[in-house]
Amino acid sequence: MRINLTLSHRKPSITLPVNCFHLLSSLIYNIVDQSSSEYAERLHEQGYVLRNRAFKLFTFSPLSVVGKGRKWHYRDDGTMSTRERLLQLTISSPKSEFIEHLVIGLLHQPIVRVGHEQFRVETVRRLDPPQFTADMRFVTLSPLVCSTKNDNDRYTQFLFPGDEEFEQKLIANLARKYEALHGKPYPATETCCRFTLDSEYLERRQGRVQKLIAVKEGTPDETMVKGTLAPFRIEAPPALMEIGYDCGFGERNSQGFGMVKLDTYHAGGL
C-alpha cells in the first residue's frame, strides 16, 4: 500500500541537503512514534526478522516539488532549495500496521519537520496499486542498490545490471522479503528473473546511470552507497513484483532506496 503526503510551508523558500534520505527516514519513524512508540522502536531496532536478517518492509520516495516542470535548485554547497509552497512524499509498505500507525501519527501531529524545515501535512492520499504481471516496466524514483560481500572481501561490492550476480541477488532479496512478510518461503522453482535497463534512456544518458549517494553525509556515520537510477523492465513472478513495488527493489529500502513507480510511457508496449 502507498500513501502520498502533500506538505506545505510558509517561508519564502526552504533549503535541505541534497542527500536527505536519512532526514526523511527519521521523519517517518517520528510520525509512527506519534501513534505507537513501542512499534516505532521495534521497527527501528529489530524490523521483521528472517533468520539472521532484518527487513523493515517499507520504502519512500525523494521529497519532490508539486507541479509539472517545477524542480529543486541545486547549489554547490550540497544543498537544494525551492520557493514552491507545496511538496510531496510517497511512502510504501505492504504492512497494514505500519500504514495504520503512519496515518494515526499524522492525525496526532500534522506539523512535521525535515531537518531544520517545518511543514504542515495538507493531504494524505492512498494510491491505488497497479496490476502485477510477470513482465513489467518501472521507473526508479531512487537508486536501486544491489551488493555482495564474500568472506575475503574487505569492502562491499556494489552490483549493477549486467554484472554476473545482479539478477540472482535481486530476486533472492525479493524472495527473502516475501518470506519475512508472509512467514513462508517463496517456491524456489519460481524464482527466475530477467532485468533490462531501458535502452532509449541509456542512450540519452550515454550509459551514465550509476548514482553515488552519501548517506548521513557530514556525520561520523557517513556511508557511501552506489546504485542504479534508470527505467527498467523486469520479468519475474507477479507476487515478487508486488514485493518490489511495496517494499522497494534491492537493498536499503528503509533508507529510501529502490522506490519505483510504474512506467506508464511504455506500459502499453512491453
Protein backbone atom coordinates (compact mmCIF):
# COMPACT_ATOMS: atom_id res chain seq x y z
CA MET A 1 0.00 0.00 0.00
CA ARG A 2 1.15 3.51 -0.76
CA ILE A 3 0.19 6.85 0.71
CA ASN A 4 1.08 10.22 -0.72
CA LEU A 5 1.62 13.20 1.59
CA THR A 6 1.27 16.78 0.39
CA LEU A 7 3.30 19.12 2.58
CA SER A 8 3.19 22.91 2.72
CA HIS A 9 5.41 25.60 4.24
CA ARG A 10 5.06 29.34 4.80
CA LYS A 11 8.62 30.53 4.29
CA PRO A 12 9.79 32.47 1.21
CA SER A 13 11.96 29.44 0.40
CA ILE A 14 13.25 26.27 2.03
CA THR A 15 16.66 24.62 1.90
CA LEU A 16 17.56 20.97 2.51
CA PRO A 17 20.61 18.77 1.94
CA VAL A 18 20.61 17.16 -1.50
CA ASN A 19 21.21 13.81 0.18
CA CYS A 20 18.39 13.97 2.74
CA PHE A 21 17.38 10.30 2.75
CA HIS A 22 18.24 9.97 6.45
CA LEU A 23 16.13 13.03 7.31
CA LEU A 24 13.10 11.56 5.54
CA SER A 25 13.66 8.19 7.23
CA SER A 26 13.77 9.94 10.61
CA LEU A 27 10.59 11.81 9.72
CA ILE A 28 8.77 8.53 9.05
CA TYR A 29 9.90 6.96 12.33
CA ASN A 30 8.88 10.11 14.20
CA ILE A 31 5.40 10.05 12.64
CA VAL A 32 4.94 6.37 13.53
CA ASP A 33 6.18 7.13 17.06
CA GLN A 34 3.27 9.56 17.49
CA SER A 35 0.92 6.57 17.15
CA SER A 36 2.94 3.87 18.94
CA SER A 37 6.39 4.46 20.40
CA GLU A 38 6.64 0.71 21.07
CA TYR A 39 6.03 -0.21 17.43
CA ALA A 40 8.35 2.55 16.17
CA GLU A 41 11.19 1.35 18.42
CA ARG A 42 10.65 -2.30 17.46
CA LEU A 43 10.58 -1.42 13.77
CA HIS A 44 13.74 0.68 14.04
CA GLU A 45 15.75 -1.70 16.23
CA GLN A 46 14.52 -5.12 15.00
CA GLY A 47 12.25 -4.88 11.97
CA TYR A 48 10.78 -8.13 10.67
CA VAL A 49 13.39 -10.80 11.30
CA LEU A 50 14.10 -13.65 8.92
CA ARG A 51 16.83 -15.90 10.28
CA ASN A 52 19.90 -13.65 10.60
CA ARG A 53 18.44 -10.79 8.55
CA ALA A 54 16.04 -7.98 9.43
CA PHE A 55 13.74 -6.21 6.99
CA LYS A 56 11.83 -3.00 7.72
CA LEU A 57 9.45 -3.66 4.80
CA PHE A 58 8.90 -0.05 3.81
CA THR A 59 10.42 2.48 1.48
CA PHE A 60 9.80 6.06 0.40
CA SER A 61 10.36 8.48 -2.44
CA PRO A 62 12.54 11.58 -2.52
CA LEU A 63 10.81 14.79 -1.43
CA SER A 64 9.61 16.37 -4.67
CA VAL A 65 8.14 19.71 -5.65
CA VAL A 66 4.46 19.59 -6.67
CA GLY A 67 3.72 20.72 -10.21
CA LYS A 68 4.88 19.75 -13.67
CA GLY A 69 8.29 21.16 -14.54
CA ARG A 70 8.88 22.51 -11.06
CA LYS A 71 12.12 21.32 -9.51
CA TRP A 72 14.67 21.95 -6.83
CA HIS A 73 17.50 24.43 -7.38
CA TYR A 74 20.80 22.72 -6.56
CA ARG A 75 23.70 24.62 -5.01
CA ASP A 76 27.42 23.99 -4.95
CA ASP A 77 27.40 23.54 -1.15
CA GLY A 78 25.44 20.27 -1.33
CA THR A 79 22.04 21.80 -0.60
CA MET A 80 18.89 22.32 -2.65
CA SER A 81 16.22 24.99 -2.33
CA THR A 82 12.79 25.87 -3.67
CA ARG A 83 10.33 28.73 -3.44
CA GLU A 84 7.39 26.45 -4.23
CA ARG A 85 4.96 26.10 -1.34
CA LEU A 86 3.84 22.50 -1.91
CA LEU A 87 5.95 19.35 -1.82
CA GLN A 88 5.08 15.68 -1.81
CA LEU A 89 6.38 12.47 -0.32
CA THR A 90 5.20 8.94 -1.10
CA ILE A 91 5.61 6.16 1.48
CA SER A 92 5.10 2.49 0.64
CA SER A 93 4.72 -0.71 2.66
CA PRO A 94 2.78 -3.99 2.45
CA LYS A 95 2.34 -3.98 6.26
CA SER A 96 -1.09 -2.65 7.20
CA GLU A 97 0.05 -1.99 10.78
CA PHE A 98 2.82 0.28 9.51
CA ILE A 99 0.42 2.28 7.32
CA GLU A 100 -2.14 2.45 10.15
CA HIS A 101 0.41 3.83 12.63
CA LEU A 102 1.63 6.28 10.00
CA VAL A 103 -1.85 7.68 9.37
CA ILE A 104 -2.73 7.82 13.09
CA GLY A 105 0.57 9.55 13.80
CA LEU A 106 -0.25 12.21 11.21
CA LEU A 107 -3.65 12.77 12.81
CA HIS A 108 -1.96 13.30 16.17
CA GLN A 109 0.67 15.67 14.78
CA PRO A 110 0.03 17.26 11.36
CA ILE A 111 3.11 19.52 11.74
CA VAL A 112 6.31 17.70 10.78
CA ARG A 113 9.99 18.57 10.44
CA VAL A 114 12.53 17.56 7.82
CA GLY A 115 15.90 18.69 9.11
CA HIS A 116 15.52 22.34 10.10
CA GLU A 117 12.45 22.90 7.93
CA GLN A 118 8.87 22.69 9.20
CA PHE A 119 5.86 21.59 7.15
CA ARG A 120 2.13 21.14 7.56
CA VAL A 121 0.63 17.94 6.18
CA GLU A 122 -2.15 19.20 3.91
CA THR A 123 -3.39 15.91 2.45
CA VAL A 124 -2.90 12.18 2.99
CA ARG A 125 -3.96 10.17 -0.05
CA ARG A 126 -3.98 6.43 -0.66
CA LEU A 127 -2.62 5.41 -4.07
CA ASP A 128 -4.13 2.51 -5.98
CA PRO A 129 -1.63 -0.24 -6.87
CA PRO A 130 -1.06 -1.36 -10.46
CA GLN A 131 -1.99 -4.79 -11.73
CA PHE A 132 1.02 -7.03 -11.18
CA THR A 133 2.07 -9.31 -14.03
CA ALA A 134 5.13 -11.37 -14.89
CA ASP A 135 6.54 -8.68 -17.20
CA MET A 136 6.55 -5.04 -16.09
CA ARG A 137 8.35 -1.74 -16.59
CA PHE A 138 9.21 0.63 -13.77
CA VAL A 139 10.92 3.98 -13.28
CA THR A 140 13.30 4.27 -10.33
CA LEU A 141 12.48 7.20 -8.05
CA SER A 142 15.61 6.50 -6.01
CA PRO A 143 18.70 4.39 -6.78
CA LEU A 144 18.30 0.61 -6.82
CA VAL A 145 21.08 -0.87 -4.68
CA CYS A 146 22.39 -4.41 -5.00
CA SER A 147 25.61 -5.68 -3.43
CA THR A 148 27.67 -8.68 -2.46
CA LYS A 149 30.44 -9.33 0.02
CA ASN A 150 32.46 -12.53 0.16
CA ASP A 151 34.48 -13.70 3.14
CA ASN A 152 37.68 -12.47 1.53
CA ASP A 153 36.27 -9.05 0.63
CA ARG A 154 37.24 -6.11 2.80
CA TYR A 155 34.53 -3.89 1.37
CA THR A 156 31.04 -4.39 0.00
CA GLN A 157 30.96 -4.77 -3.78
CA PHE A 158 28.06 -2.94 -5.41
CA LEU A 159 26.45 -4.74 -8.34
CA PHE A 160 24.83 -3.27 -11.42
CA PRO A 161 22.66 -4.56 -14.29
CA GLY A 162 24.83 -6.75 -16.50
CA ASP A 163 27.01 -7.98 -13.64
CA GLU A 164 27.04 -11.75 -13.28
CA GLU A 165 25.39 -11.90 -9.84
CA PHE A 166 23.00 -8.95 -10.20
CA GLU A 167 19.80 -10.75 -11.20
CA GLN A 168 20.38 -13.62 -8.77
CA LYS A 169 20.97 -11.23 -5.86
CA LEU A 170 17.98 -9.08 -6.80
CA ILE A 171 15.49 -11.97 -6.98
CA ALA A 172 16.89 -13.61 -3.82
CA ASN A 173 16.36 -10.33 -1.98
CA LEU A 174 12.74 -10.16 -3.15
CA ALA A 175 12.18 -13.79 -2.09
CA ARG A 176 13.56 -13.09 1.40
CA LYS A 177 11.30 -10.08 1.81
CA TYR A 178 8.38 -12.22 0.66
CA GLU A 179 9.21 -14.77 3.37
CA ALA A 180 9.63 -12.08 6.04
CA LEU A 181 6.22 -10.67 5.10
CA HIS A 182 4.22 -13.89 4.68
CA GLY A 183 6.05 -16.19 7.09
CA LYS A 184 6.68 -18.85 4.45
CA PRO A 185 9.36 -19.31 1.76
CA TYR A 186 8.66 -18.39 -1.83
CA PRO A 187 8.86 -21.54 -4.02
CA ALA A 188 12.48 -21.87 -5.15
CA THR A 189 11.43 -23.26 -8.53
CA GLU A 190 9.67 -19.97 -9.37
CA THR A 191 12.45 -17.52 -8.56
CA CYS A 192 13.60 -16.68 -12.06
CA CYS A 193 14.33 -13.11 -13.08
CA ARG A 194 15.33 -11.11 -16.14
CA PHE A 195 16.28 -7.47 -15.68
CA THR A 196 16.93 -4.97 -18.51
CA LEU A 197 17.54 -1.26 -18.44
CA ASP A 198 15.62 0.97 -20.83
CA SER A 199 17.80 1.22 -23.95
CA GLU A 200 16.50 4.66 -25.04
CA TYR A 201 17.24 6.12 -21.61
CA LEU A 202 20.70 4.52 -21.58
CA GLU A 203 21.45 6.09 -24.97
CA ARG A 204 20.28 9.54 -23.85
CA ARG A 205 22.37 9.29 -20.70
CA GLN A 206 25.32 7.78 -22.61
CA GLY A 207 25.29 4.90 -20.13
CA ARG A 208 25.65 7.16 -17.07
CA VAL A 209 23.01 5.67 -14.80
CA GLN A 210 25.04 4.87 -11.68
CA LYS A 211 24.40 7.18 -8.74
CA LEU A 212 26.68 7.65 -5.73
CA ILE A 213 24.86 8.75 -2.56
CA ALA A 214 26.38 9.84 0.75
CA VAL A 215 24.04 8.58 3.48
CA LYS A 216 24.17 10.70 6.66
CA GLU A 217 26.61 12.98 4.90
CA GLY A 218 28.87 15.00 7.14
CA THR A 219 28.31 12.82 10.20
CA PRO A 220 30.51 10.12 11.80
CA ASP A 221 28.10 7.53 10.36
CA GLU A 222 28.50 8.71 6.76
CA THR A 223 28.29 5.83 4.29
CA MET A 224 28.75 5.86 0.52
CA VAL A 225 26.14 3.87 -1.39
CA LYS A 226 26.11 3.28 -5.13
CA GLY A 227 23.04 2.25 -7.11
CA THR A 228 21.30 2.38 -10.48
CA LEU A 229 18.90 5.19 -11.35
CA ALA A 230 17.12 4.38 -14.62
CA PRO A 231 13.86 2.97 -16.01
CA PHE A 232 13.90 -0.81 -16.28
CA ARG A 233 11.97 -3.84 -17.44
CA ILE A 234 11.79 -6.87 -15.19
CA GLU A 235 10.41 -10.35 -15.82
CA ALA A 236 9.65 -12.13 -12.54
CA PRO A 237 6.74 -13.81 -10.72
CA PRO A 238 3.86 -11.34 -10.04
CA ALA A 239 3.99 -11.98 -6.29
CA LEU A 240 7.62 -10.83 -6.22
CA MET A 241 6.79 -7.85 -8.45
CA GLU A 242 4.34 -6.79 -5.76
CA ILE A 243 7.00 -7.17 -3.07
CA GLY A 244 9.38 -4.96 -5.06
CA TYR A 245 6.70 -2.33 -5.63
CA ASP A 246 5.54 -2.26 -2.00
CA CYS A 247 8.84 -2.75 -0.14
CA GLY A 248 11.30 -1.45 -2.72
CA PHE A 249 13.59 -3.28 -5.13
CA GLY A 250 17.06 -4.18 -3.92
CA GLU A 251 18.63 -3.24 -0.59
CA ARG A 252 18.46 -0.36 1.92
CA ASN A 253 14.78 0.27 1.23
CA SER A 254 14.04 1.81 4.64
CA GLN A 255 16.78 4.35 3.85
CA GLY A 256 14.83 5.40 0.77
CA PHE A 257 16.50 3.26 -1.89
CA GLY A 258 14.76 1.12 -4.52
CA MET A 259 11.49 3.07 -4.68
CA VAL A 260 9.83 2.78 -8.11
CA LYS A 261 6.72 3.85 -9.95
CA LEU A 262 5.01 2.23 -12.92
CA ASP A 263 6.47 3.25 -16.28
CA THR A 264 3.25 4.47 -17.91
CA TYR A 265 5.08 5.68 -21.04
CA HIS A 266 5.94 2.08 -22.02
CA ALA A 267 3.01 0.39 -20.28
CA GLY A 268 1.23 -0.46 -23.50
CA GLY A 269 4.27 -1.66 -25.41
CA LEU A 270 6.20 -4.28 -23.47
